[in-house]
Amino acid sequence: MAEVERFAAAHAGSRRPLQRFVEVALAADWPHFAAVRRTFRSADYAPESGTLIFNIGGNNYRLVARVDFEEGMLFIERVMTHAEYDREKL
């Protein structure tokens, strides 16, 4: 959560959308990517790396996380603006 808090401190407009994402993700039961898509329709998944990419705050921000579906764990790696994400070409 440190990454989320750091980003939210630097980008005030992201605070509420990130808080909502965290609340929903903590309550979610995602045994597979299809379940993630039922919760977050715009989520993308790269199965070879286990990376999930979420659009946050009306597509203004990106949250990049790794997921372990077997353990039910989501590890947030990065939060960035849409522009930063486009430059990174993840």
Protein backbone atom coordinates (compact mmCIF):
# COMPACT_ATOMS: atom_id res chain seq x y z
CA MET A 1 0.00 0.00 0.00
CA ALA A 2 2.98 2.28 0.33
CA GLU A 3 3.03 2.82 -3.43
CA VAL A 4 -0.65 3.81 -3.40
CA GLU A 5 -0.15 6.20 -0.49
CA ARG A 6 2.95 7.76 -2.06
CA PHE A 7 1.17 8.32 -5.36
CA ALA A 8 -1.99 9.69 -3.72
CA ALA A 9 0.09 12.16 -1.72
CA ALA A 10 1.62 13.49 -4.94
CA HIS A 11 -1.60 13.40 -7.00
CA ALA A 12 -4.53 14.64 -4.95
CA GLY A 13 -7.08 13.77 -7.64
CA SER A 14 -6.16 10.11 -7.38
CA ARG A 15 -6.94 9.75 -3.66
CA ARG A 16 -10.61 8.85 -3.85
CA PRO A 17 -10.38 6.57 -6.89
CA LEU A 18 -7.40 4.73 -5.38
CA GLN A 19 -9.15 4.41 -2.04
CA ARG A 20 -12.18 2.94 -3.81
CA PHE A 21 -9.97 0.54 -5.79
CA VAL A 22 -8.29 -0.70 -2.61
CA GLU A 23 -11.64 -1.18 -0.85
CA VAL A 24 -13.06 -3.17 -3.75
CA ALA A 25 -9.89 -5.22 -4.23
CA LEU A 26 -9.68 -6.13 -0.54
CA ALA A 27 -13.28 -7.36 -0.57
CA ALA A 28 -12.93 -9.24 -3.86
CA ASP A 29 -12.54 -12.97 -4.43
CA TRP A 30 -10.66 -13.37 -7.68
CA PRO A 31 -9.84 -17.03 -8.42
CA HIS A 32 -9.07 -16.17 -12.07
CA PHE A 33 -8.84 -13.23 -14.44
CA ALA A 34 -12.46 -13.53 -15.56
CA ALA A 35 -13.49 -12.70 -11.99
CA VAL A 36 -11.26 -9.63 -12.04
CA ARG A 37 -12.93 -8.51 -15.27
CA ARG A 38 -16.35 -8.86 -13.68
CA THR A 39 -15.20 -6.38 -11.03
CA PHE A 40 -13.06 -4.10 -13.21
CA ARG A 41 -14.17 -4.38 -16.84
CA SER A 42 -11.20 -2.48 -18.24
CA ALA A 43 -8.52 -4.54 -16.47
CA ASP A 44 -5.85 -6.08 -18.68
CA TYR A 45 -3.82 -9.18 -17.87
CA ALA A 46 -0.47 -10.51 -19.05
CA PRO A 47 -0.58 -14.17 -17.89
CA GLU A 48 3.09 -14.84 -18.68
CA SER A 49 4.14 -12.34 -16.01
CA GLY A 50 1.00 -12.40 -13.86
CA THR A 51 0.67 -8.64 -14.34
CA LEU A 52 -2.67 -6.89 -14.08
CA ILE A 53 -3.20 -3.32 -15.30
CA PHE A 54 -6.12 -1.33 -13.97
CA ASN A 55 -7.54 1.97 -15.21
CA ILE A 56 -8.19 4.16 -12.18
CA GLY A 57 -10.11 7.40 -11.86
CA GLY A 58 -11.82 7.52 -15.23
CA ASN A 59 -8.70 6.36 -17.09
CA ASN A 60 -6.54 9.14 -15.60
CA TYR A 61 -4.27 6.73 -13.72
CA ARG A 62 -2.87 3.24 -14.11
CA LEU A 63 -2.27 0.74 -11.35
CA VAL A 64 0.09 -2.12 -12.19
CA ALA A 65 0.00 -5.18 -9.96
CA ARG A 66 1.06 -8.80 -9.91
CA VAL A 67 -1.48 -11.39 -8.96
CA ASP A 68 -1.26 -14.87 -7.47
CA PHE A 69 -4.68 -16.34 -8.13
CA GLU A 70 -3.91 -19.54 -6.22
CA GLU A 71 -3.04 -17.65 -3.04
CA GLY A 72 -5.53 -14.85 -3.61
CA MET A 73 -2.83 -12.19 -3.36
CA LEU A 74 -2.53 -8.90 -5.25
CA PHE A 75 0.80 -7.07 -5.09
CA ILE A 76 0.65 -3.44 -6.20
CA GLU A 77 3.87 -2.58 -8.01
CA ARG A 78 3.25 0.86 -9.49
CA VAL A 79 0.70 3.59 -9.74
CA MET A 80 1.20 6.21 -12.42
CA THR A 81 -0.61 8.76 -14.50
CA HIS A 82 -1.95 7.68 -17.86
CA ALA A 83 0.77 9.76 -19.55
CA GLU A 84 3.52 8.12 -17.47
CA TYR A 85 2.12 4.70 -18.33
CA ASP A 86 2.10 5.51 -22.06
CA ARG A 87 5.76 6.57 -21.85
CA GLU A 88 6.73 3.37 -19.98
CA LYS A 89 5.14 1.10 -22.62
CA LEU A 90 4.67 -1.72 -20.11
